[in-house]
Amino acid sequence: MRRTHQMQLRPRAAASVTPVAHQQHVPSKYHQKQIISLKQELKNVKEQAAAAEANAEVVRREKSIAETSLRDVQEDLVIQQETTMQMAITLDSWHDRFDRVYQLAEAAGVDPA
């Protein structure tokens, strides 16, 4: 015959039982310092992110202004090129007219000097 050993459990006193949900973990001083350090680092990172976003906004505005100025300068360049082309055509036209007047004067026997 075999005997089975049964362990008898004694109930704990009600005062010594604390539910896990009500227990609070108190971090060590080392961990408290780490937590404070990490919170400060997080605050610094958030401030840096806010500053970076503000700088990005300034850059976007400056870029927009520069693009507007570039378009204005490009339009001015097109106008200048068209004006230069018209001046060249006008000068060529006058040069041709003076050449004809010179040829007529020379054919008529007028001294070119």
Protein backbone atom coordinates (compact mmCIF):
# COMPACT_ATOMS: atom_id res chain seq x y z
CA MET A 1 0.00 0.00 0.00
CA ARG A 2 1.06 3.33 -0.81
CA ARG A 3 0.68 6.32 1.33
CA THR A 4 0.17 9.66 -0.20
CA HIS A 5 1.54 12.59 1.53
CA GLN A 6 -0.64 15.55 1.53
CA MET A 7 0.66 18.86 2.42
CA GLN A 8 -1.51 20.79 4.68
CA LEU A 9 -1.78 24.45 3.91
CA ARG A 10 -2.25 26.87 6.69
CA PRO A 11 -4.29 29.94 5.91
CA ARG A 12 -2.46 33.21 6.14
CA ALA A 13 -3.56 35.87 8.44
CA ALA A 14 -5.80 38.40 6.74
CA ALA A 15 -3.70 41.36 7.88
CA SER A 16 -0.59 40.18 6.09
CA VAL A 17 -2.27 39.78 2.70
CA THR A 18 -2.06 42.88 0.52
CA PRO A 19 -3.64 42.77 -2.93
CA VAL A 20 -1.14 43.29 -5.73
CA ALA A 21 -3.19 46.08 -7.26
CA HIS A 22 -2.77 48.20 -4.17
CA GLN A 23 0.95 47.73 -3.83
CA GLN A 24 3.09 50.57 -5.12
CA HIS A 25 6.59 50.09 -6.32
CA VAL A 26 8.90 52.72 -4.97
CA PRO A 27 11.85 53.20 -7.32
CA SER A 28 15.32 53.33 -5.87
CA LYS A 29 17.16 56.64 -5.71
CA TYR A 30 19.22 55.56 -8.72
CA HIS A 31 16.07 54.87 -10.74
CA GLN A 32 14.49 58.11 -9.53
CA LYS A 33 17.51 60.01 -10.83
CA GLN A 34 17.27 58.16 -14.12
CA ILE A 35 13.58 59.00 -14.40
CA ILE A 36 14.26 62.68 -13.71
CA SER A 37 17.10 62.66 -16.22
CA LEU A 38 14.93 61.01 -18.89
CA LYS A 39 12.08 63.45 -18.26
CA GLN A 40 14.49 66.37 -18.66
CA GLU A 41 15.91 64.81 -21.81
CA LEU A 42 12.39 64.35 -23.21
CA LYS A 43 11.59 67.97 -22.41
CA ASN A 44 14.80 69.08 -24.17
CA VAL A 45 13.99 66.95 -27.23
CA LYS A 46 10.48 68.42 -27.40
CA GLU A 47 11.90 71.95 -27.16
CA GLN A 48 14.43 71.15 -29.89
CA ALA A 49 11.66 69.71 -32.06
CA ALA A 50 9.58 72.86 -31.57
CA ALA A 51 12.58 75.06 -32.42
CA ALA A 52 13.34 72.93 -35.50
CA GLU A 53 9.72 73.25 -36.66
CA ALA A 54 9.87 77.03 -36.17
CA ASN A 55 13.12 77.14 -38.16
CA ALA A 56 11.57 74.99 -40.86
CA GLU A 57 8.67 77.42 -41.12
CA VAL A 58 11.09 80.35 -41.49
CA VAL A 59 12.95 78.43 -44.20
CA ARG A 60 9.68 77.65 -46.03
CA ARG A 61 8.73 81.35 -46.00
CA GLU A 62 12.19 82.39 -47.19
CA LYS A 63 12.04 79.75 -49.91
CA SER A 64 8.66 81.06 -51.04
CA ILE A 65 10.00 84.62 -51.14
CA ALA A 66 13.09 83.48 -53.06
CA GLU A 67 10.95 81.57 -55.57
CA THR A 68 8.75 84.64 -56.10
CA SER A 69 11.85 86.80 -56.62
CA LEU A 70 13.27 84.22 -59.03
CA ARG A 71 10.06 84.27 -61.11
CA ASP A 72 10.15 88.08 -61.16
CA VAL A 73 13.78 88.08 -62.28
CA GLN A 74 13.03 85.46 -64.95
CA GLU A 75 10.17 87.59 -66.27
CA ASP A 76 12.46 90.64 -66.29
CA LEU A 77 15.07 88.62 -68.18
CA VAL A 78 12.54 87.59 -70.82
CA ILE A 79 11.48 91.23 -71.21
CA GLN A 80 15.12 92.31 -71.46
CA GLN A 81 15.85 89.65 -74.07
CA GLU A 82 12.85 90.73 -76.13
CA THR A 83 13.91 94.40 -75.84
CA THR A 84 17.47 93.54 -76.85
CA MET A 85 16.19 91.59 -79.85
CA GLN A 86 13.98 94.52 -80.90
CA MET A 87 16.94 96.91 -80.53
CA ALA A 88 19.09 94.63 -82.70
CA ILE A 89 16.38 94.51 -85.38
CA THR A 90 16.00 98.32 -85.25
CA LEU A 91 19.77 98.86 -85.48
CA ASP A 92 20.01 96.47 -88.42
CA SER A 93 17.14 98.29 -90.12
CA TRP A 94 18.83 101.71 -89.67
CA HIS A 95 22.16 100.28 -90.76
CA ASP A 96 20.53 99.02 -93.97
CA ARG A 97 18.91 102.43 -94.56
CA PHE A 98 22.21 104.26 -94.08
CA ASP A 99 23.88 101.82 -96.47
CA ARG A 100 21.20 102.61 -99.11
CA VAL A 101 21.55 106.35 -98.57
CA TYR A 102 25.34 105.99 -98.92
CA GLN A 103 24.93 103.96 -102.11
CA LEU A 104 22.48 106.54 -103.55
CA ALA A 105 24.81 109.40 -102.64
CA GLU A 106 27.77 107.60 -104.15
CA ALA A 107 25.80 106.86 -107.35
CA ALA A 108 24.79 110.51 -107.56
CA GLY A 109 28.42 111.53 -107.31
CA VAL A 110 28.17 113.11 -103.86
CA ASP A 111 31.41 113.18 -101.88
CA PRO A 112 30.88 110.83 -98.87
CA ALA A 113 33.06 112.98 -96.62
